[in-house]
């Protein structure tokens, strides 16, 4: 898996925040640090359990926000990070909603080929 970052903006009821996301092709959902989601006014809509890479199970709250990347924008579910969840992650669900895939060889986001 290659590592790449992408600049983006997330928007909530109280405003916007500019972030540098780590593109994480192993993460289902996009994660926002606690300071960010609180600043833009997101509130929890539900909770989910997640399995981390080391097998640890954690529970986090889920919300939704508008995300804008250079390649487009969409509403997407986001994990509301707890204290210590400091790295914004861009997950696969958001990438798919934007019609993007991560190319690990070139370390870049590409347009997804449509399939029926």
N, C-alpha and C. Protein backbone atom coordinates (compact mmCIF):
# COMPACT_ATOMS: atom_id res chain seq x y z
N UNK A 1 0.84 -1.17 0.00
CA UNK A 1 0.00 0.00 0.00
C UNK A 1 0.89 1.23 0.00
N UNK A 2 0.65 2.15 -0.91
CA UNK A 2 1.38 3.40 -0.95
C UNK A 2 0.73 4.43 -0.05
N UNK A 3 1.46 5.47 0.26
CA UNK A 3 0.93 6.53 1.10
C UNK A 3 0.84 7.80 0.29
N UNK A 4 -0.29 8.45 0.39
CA UNK A 4 -0.46 9.75 -0.25
C UNK A 4 -1.42 10.59 0.57
N UNK A 5 -1.35 11.87 0.37
CA UNK A 5 -2.21 12.82 1.07
C UNK A 5 -2.97 13.65 0.04
N UNK A 6 -4.13 14.15 0.46
CA UNK A 6 -4.91 15.04 -0.40
C UNK A 6 -5.52 16.13 0.49
N UNK A 7 -5.49 17.35 -0.01
CA UNK A 7 -6.10 18.48 0.70
C UNK A 7 -7.59 18.49 0.44
N UNK A 8 -8.36 18.81 1.46
CA UNK A 8 -9.80 18.87 1.29
C UNK A 8 -10.44 19.77 2.33
N UNK A 9 -11.71 20.06 2.11
CA UNK A 9 -12.49 20.88 3.03
C UNK A 9 -13.71 20.11 3.48
N UNK A 10 -13.97 20.13 4.78
CA UNK A 10 -15.19 19.52 5.33
C UNK A 10 -16.07 20.64 5.85
N UNK A 11 -17.39 20.46 5.69
CA UNK A 11 -18.33 21.50 6.09
C UNK A 11 -19.42 20.92 6.99
N UNK A 12 -19.76 21.68 8.01
CA UNK A 12 -20.83 21.32 8.93
C UNK A 12 -21.70 22.54 9.19
N UNK A 13 -22.58 22.44 10.17
CA UNK A 13 -23.52 23.52 10.47
C UNK A 13 -22.83 24.79 10.96
N UNK A 14 -21.66 24.66 11.58
CA UNK A 14 -20.98 25.83 12.14
C UNK A 14 -19.85 26.35 11.28
N UNK A 15 -19.60 25.74 10.12
CA UNK A 15 -18.53 26.26 9.28
C UNK A 15 -17.75 25.18 8.56
N UNK A 16 -16.56 25.57 8.09
CA UNK A 16 -15.71 24.71 7.28
C UNK A 16 -14.35 24.53 7.96
N UNK A 17 -13.67 23.47 7.56
CA UNK A 17 -12.30 23.24 8.01
C UNK A 17 -11.50 22.66 6.85
N UNK A 18 -10.31 23.16 6.67
CA UNK A 18 -9.39 22.65 5.64
C UNK A 18 -8.49 21.63 6.30
N UNK A 19 -8.37 20.44 5.67
CA UNK A 19 -7.59 19.35 6.24
C UNK A 19 -6.66 18.73 5.21
N UNK A 20 -5.63 18.10 5.69
CA UNK A 20 -4.73 17.29 4.86
C UNK A 20 -5.02 15.84 5.23
N UNK A 21 -5.75 15.13 4.35
CA UNK A 21 -6.18 13.75 4.60
C UNK A 21 -5.12 12.76 4.16
N UNK A 22 -4.89 11.74 4.98
CA UNK A 22 -4.14 10.57 4.57
C UNK A 22 -5.12 9.68 3.83
N UNK A 23 -4.83 9.33 2.58
CA UNK A 23 -5.69 8.43 1.82
C UNK A 23 -5.42 7.02 2.35
N UNK A 24 -6.45 6.42 2.94
CA UNK A 24 -6.31 5.11 3.59
C UNK A 24 -7.22 4.11 2.90
N UNK A 25 -6.66 3.35 1.95
CA UNK A 25 -7.46 2.39 1.20
C UNK A 25 -7.88 1.19 2.05
N UNK A 26 -7.40 1.13 3.29
CA UNK A 26 -7.81 0.07 4.21
C UNK A 26 -8.92 0.51 5.15
N UNK A 27 -9.29 1.78 5.10
CA UNK A 27 -10.33 2.31 5.98
C UNK A 27 -11.65 2.41 5.22
N UNK A 28 -12.71 1.94 5.82
CA UNK A 28 -14.02 2.06 5.17
C UNK A 28 -14.50 3.50 5.17
N UNK A 29 -14.43 4.14 6.33
CA UNK A 29 -14.99 5.48 6.48
C UNK A 29 -13.91 6.54 6.66
N UNK A 30 -14.26 7.76 6.29
CA UNK A 30 -13.42 8.92 6.51
C UNK A 30 -13.48 9.27 8.00
N UNK A 31 -12.34 9.64 8.58
CA UNK A 31 -12.26 9.99 9.99
C UNK A 31 -11.87 11.45 10.14
N UNK A 32 -12.59 12.15 11.01
CA UNK A 32 -12.27 13.54 11.34
C UNK A 32 -11.78 13.61 12.78
N UNK A 33 -10.68 14.33 13.02
CA UNK A 33 -10.22 14.52 14.40
C UNK A 33 -11.28 15.24 15.24
N UNK A 34 -11.27 14.99 16.53
CA UNK A 34 -12.26 15.55 17.44
C UNK A 34 -12.32 17.08 17.35
N UNK A 35 -11.19 17.72 17.33
CA UNK A 35 -11.15 19.19 17.26
C UNK A 35 -11.86 19.71 16.01
N UNK A 36 -11.71 18.99 14.89
CA UNK A 36 -12.31 19.42 13.63
C UNK A 36 -13.82 19.26 13.64
N UNK A 37 -14.31 18.05 13.98
CA UNK A 37 -15.76 17.84 13.89
C UNK A 37 -16.52 18.68 14.90
N UNK A 38 -15.90 18.95 16.05
CA UNK A 38 -16.56 19.83 17.02
C UNK A 38 -16.60 21.27 16.50
N UNK A 39 -15.52 21.73 15.88
CA UNK A 39 -15.44 23.09 15.37
C UNK A 39 -16.47 23.37 14.26
N UNK A 40 -16.75 22.35 13.41
CA UNK A 40 -17.69 22.58 12.32
C UNK A 40 -19.13 22.18 12.70
N UNK A 41 -19.32 21.74 13.94
CA UNK A 41 -20.67 21.53 14.46
C UNK A 41 -21.33 20.21 14.11
N UNK A 42 -20.54 19.14 13.94
CA UNK A 42 -21.15 17.84 13.67
C UNK A 42 -21.64 17.21 14.96
N UNK A 43 -22.73 16.45 14.87
CA UNK A 43 -23.26 15.71 16.02
C UNK A 43 -23.41 14.24 15.63
N UNK A 44 -23.29 13.39 16.61
CA UNK A 44 -23.37 11.95 16.37
C UNK A 44 -24.78 11.56 15.95
N UNK A 45 -24.86 10.68 14.95
CA UNK A 45 -26.14 10.14 14.50
C UNK A 45 -26.31 8.68 14.91
N UNK A 46 -25.19 7.98 15.10
CA UNK A 46 -25.21 6.57 15.51
C UNK A 46 -23.80 6.18 15.92
N UNK A 47 -23.63 4.95 16.38
CA UNK A 47 -22.32 4.41 16.75
C UNK A 47 -22.04 3.16 15.94
N UNK A 48 -20.77 2.88 15.74
CA UNK A 48 -20.35 1.65 15.05
C UNK A 48 -19.10 1.11 15.72
N UNK A 49 -18.92 -0.20 15.60
CA UNK A 49 -17.69 -0.83 16.05
C UNK A 49 -16.77 -1.02 14.86
N UNK A 50 -15.48 -0.83 15.08
CA UNK A 50 -14.48 -0.95 14.03
C UNK A 50 -13.35 -1.85 14.50
N UNK A 51 -12.81 -2.61 13.58
CA UNK A 51 -11.64 -3.44 13.84
C UNK A 51 -10.42 -2.72 13.28
N UNK A 52 -9.46 -2.42 14.15
CA UNK A 52 -8.23 -1.77 13.71
C UNK A 52 -7.29 -2.80 13.08
N UNK A 53 -6.23 -2.32 12.46
CA UNK A 53 -5.29 -3.21 11.76
C UNK A 53 -4.69 -4.27 12.68
N UNK A 54 -4.54 -3.95 13.97
CA UNK A 54 -3.97 -4.92 14.91
C UNK A 54 -5.01 -5.82 15.54
N UNK A 55 -6.27 -5.70 15.09
CA UNK A 55 -7.35 -6.54 15.60
C UNK A 55 -8.12 -5.93 16.77
N UNK A 56 -7.65 -4.82 17.29
CA UNK A 56 -8.34 -4.15 18.39
C UNK A 56 -9.71 -3.66 17.91
N UNK A 57 -10.73 -3.86 18.75
CA UNK A 57 -12.06 -3.34 18.45
C UNK A 57 -12.27 -2.02 19.16
N UNK A 58 -12.77 -1.02 18.43
CA UNK A 58 -13.09 0.27 19.02
C UNK A 58 -14.49 0.66 18.58
N UNK A 59 -15.14 1.50 19.37
CA UNK A 59 -16.44 2.02 19.00
C UNK A 59 -16.31 3.52 18.83
N UNK A 60 -16.90 4.02 17.75
CA UNK A 60 -16.86 5.45 17.47
C UNK A 60 -18.23 5.92 17.00
N UNK A 61 -18.51 7.18 17.20
CA UNK A 61 -19.74 7.81 16.72
C UNK A 61 -19.59 8.13 15.24
N UNK A 62 -20.72 8.15 14.53
CA UNK A 62 -20.76 8.43 13.09
C UNK A 62 -21.67 9.63 12.86
N UNK A 63 -21.29 10.48 11.92
CA UNK A 63 -22.10 11.61 11.49
C UNK A 63 -22.01 11.69 9.97
N UNK A 64 -22.36 12.83 9.42
CA UNK A 64 -22.28 13.05 7.98
C UNK A 64 -21.90 14.50 7.75
N UNK A 65 -21.12 14.74 6.70
CA UNK A 65 -20.76 16.12 6.35
C UNK A 65 -20.52 16.22 4.85
N UNK A 66 -20.38 17.45 4.41
CA UNK A 66 -20.00 17.71 3.03
C UNK A 66 -18.48 17.73 2.98
N UNK A 67 -17.91 17.02 2.02
CA UNK A 67 -16.47 17.02 1.83
C UNK A 67 -16.17 17.47 0.41
N UNK A 68 -15.17 18.30 0.27
CA UNK A 68 -14.77 18.77 -1.06
C UNK A 68 -13.28 18.54 -1.24
N UNK A 69 -12.96 17.81 -2.30
CA UNK A 69 -11.59 17.55 -2.72
C UNK A 69 -11.37 18.21 -4.06
N UNK A 70 -10.14 18.32 -4.54
CA UNK A 70 -9.93 18.87 -5.88
C UNK A 70 -10.71 18.13 -6.97
N UNK A 71 -11.02 16.83 -6.73
CA UNK A 71 -11.70 16.00 -7.73
C UNK A 71 -13.22 16.08 -7.65
N UNK A 72 -13.78 16.78 -6.67
CA UNK A 72 -15.23 16.88 -6.55
C UNK A 72 -15.68 17.01 -5.11
N UNK A 73 -17.01 17.02 -4.91
CA UNK A 73 -17.54 17.10 -3.56
C UNK A 73 -18.77 16.23 -3.42
N UNK A 74 -19.06 15.82 -2.17
CA UNK A 74 -20.20 14.96 -1.89
C UNK A 74 -20.49 14.99 -0.40
N UNK A 75 -21.70 14.53 -0.04
CA UNK A 75 -22.03 14.27 1.36
C UNK A 75 -21.55 12.86 1.66
N UNK A 76 -20.95 12.68 2.82
CA UNK A 76 -20.38 11.38 3.14
C UNK A 76 -20.46 11.10 4.64
N UNK A 77 -20.60 9.82 5.01
CA UNK A 77 -20.53 9.50 6.43
C UNK A 77 -19.09 9.70 6.92
N UNK A 78 -18.95 10.13 8.16
CA UNK A 78 -17.63 10.32 8.75
C UNK A 78 -17.61 9.77 10.17
N UNK A 79 -16.46 9.23 10.55
CA UNK A 79 -16.22 8.79 11.92
C UNK A 79 -15.82 10.01 12.72
N UNK A 80 -16.45 10.20 13.87
CA UNK A 80 -16.11 11.30 14.76
C UNK A 80 -15.00 10.82 15.69
N UNK A 81 -13.79 11.27 15.41
CA UNK A 81 -12.63 10.81 16.17
C UNK A 81 -12.70 11.19 17.64
N UNK A 82 -12.12 10.33 18.47
CA UNK A 82 -11.95 10.59 19.90
C UNK A 82 -10.61 11.28 20.11
N UNK A 83 -10.35 11.65 21.36
CA UNK A 83 -9.04 12.20 21.71
C UNK A 83 -7.97 11.21 21.29
N UNK A 84 -6.95 11.68 20.60
CA UNK A 84 -5.89 10.80 20.11
C UNK A 84 -6.07 10.37 18.67
N UNK A 85 -7.28 10.51 18.12
CA UNK A 85 -7.52 10.20 16.70
C UNK A 85 -7.20 11.47 15.91
N UNK A 86 -5.91 11.79 15.79
CA UNK A 86 -5.49 13.10 15.30
C UNK A 86 -5.27 13.19 13.79
N UNK A 87 -5.15 12.07 13.10
CA UNK A 87 -4.87 12.08 11.66
C UNK A 87 -6.16 11.97 10.86
N UNK A 88 -6.53 13.00 10.08
CA UNK A 88 -7.70 12.86 9.21
C UNK A 88 -7.44 11.77 8.17
N UNK A 89 -8.38 10.83 8.05
CA UNK A 89 -8.25 9.74 7.08
C UNK A 89 -9.34 9.87 6.04
N UNK A 90 -9.00 9.60 4.79
CA UNK A 90 -9.97 9.58 3.71
C UNK A 90 -10.23 8.12 3.38
N UNK A 91 -11.44 7.64 3.66
CA UNK A 91 -11.77 6.24 3.51
C UNK A 91 -12.41 5.89 2.17
N UNK A 92 -12.58 4.60 1.97
CA UNK A 92 -13.05 4.05 0.69
C UNK A 92 -14.48 4.47 0.36
N UNK A 93 -15.36 4.55 1.36
CA UNK A 93 -16.75 4.94 1.08
C UNK A 93 -16.78 6.33 0.44
N UNK A 94 -16.04 7.27 0.99
CA UNK A 94 -15.98 8.62 0.43
C UNK A 94 -15.38 8.60 -0.97
N UNK A 95 -14.31 7.83 -1.15
CA UNK A 95 -13.69 7.74 -2.47
C UNK A 95 -14.69 7.21 -3.49
N UNK A 96 -15.44 6.17 -3.14
CA UNK A 96 -16.42 5.60 -4.07
C UNK A 96 -17.54 6.60 -4.37
N UNK A 97 -17.97 7.35 -3.36
CA UNK A 97 -19.02 8.35 -3.60
C UNK A 97 -18.55 9.42 -4.59
N UNK A 98 -17.25 9.69 -4.59
CA UNK A 98 -16.67 10.67 -5.51
C UNK A 98 -16.24 10.04 -6.84
N UNK A 99 -16.42 8.73 -6.97
CA UNK A 99 -16.02 8.04 -8.20
C UNK A 99 -14.51 7.95 -8.36
N UNK A 100 -13.81 7.78 -7.23
CA UNK A 100 -12.34 7.75 -7.23
C UNK A 100 -11.82 6.43 -6.68
N UNK A 101 -10.63 6.07 -7.11
CA UNK A 101 -9.89 4.93 -6.54
C UNK A 101 -8.46 5.40 -6.28
N UNK A 102 -7.80 4.72 -5.34
CA UNK A 102 -6.41 5.02 -5.03
C UNK A 102 -5.51 4.10 -5.84
N UNK A 103 -4.61 4.69 -6.60
CA UNK A 103 -3.61 3.93 -7.37
C UNK A 103 -2.35 3.85 -6.53
N UNK A 104 -2.06 2.70 -5.91
CA UNK A 104 -0.91 2.60 -5.01
C UNK A 104 0.44 2.65 -5.74
N UNK A 105 0.44 2.35 -7.03
CA UNK A 105 1.70 2.37 -7.78
C UNK A 105 2.14 3.81 -8.08
N UNK A 106 1.16 4.65 -8.40
CA UNK A 106 1.46 6.06 -8.71
C UNK A 106 1.22 6.97 -7.51
N UNK A 107 0.65 6.39 -6.44
CA UNK A 107 0.33 7.14 -5.24
C UNK A 107 -0.54 8.36 -5.54
N UNK A 108 -1.63 8.09 -6.26
CA UNK A 108 -2.54 9.18 -6.62
C UNK A 108 -3.97 8.66 -6.71
N UNK A 109 -4.92 9.60 -6.64
CA UNK A 109 -6.33 9.27 -6.84
C UNK A 109 -6.64 9.34 -8.32
N UNK A 110 -7.39 8.33 -8.79
CA UNK A 110 -7.79 8.29 -10.20
C UNK A 110 -9.30 8.15 -10.28
N UNK A 111 -9.85 8.49 -11.42
CA UNK A 111 -11.28 8.30 -11.67
C UNK A 111 -11.56 6.82 -11.80
N UNK A 112 -12.60 6.38 -11.13
CA UNK A 112 -13.00 4.97 -11.15
C UNK A 112 -13.64 4.62 -12.49
N UNK A 113 -13.38 3.43 -12.99
CA UNK A 113 -14.07 2.94 -14.17
C UNK A 113 -15.44 2.45 -13.74
N UNK A 114 -16.48 2.93 -14.40
CA UNK A 114 -17.85 2.56 -14.03
C UNK A 114 -18.14 1.10 -14.42
N UNK A 115 -18.87 0.42 -13.56
CA UNK A 115 -19.30 -0.96 -13.81
C UNK A 115 -20.78 -1.07 -13.48
N UNK A 116 -21.45 -1.97 -14.17
CA UNK A 116 -22.87 -2.21 -13.90
C UNK A 116 -23.04 -3.35 -12.95
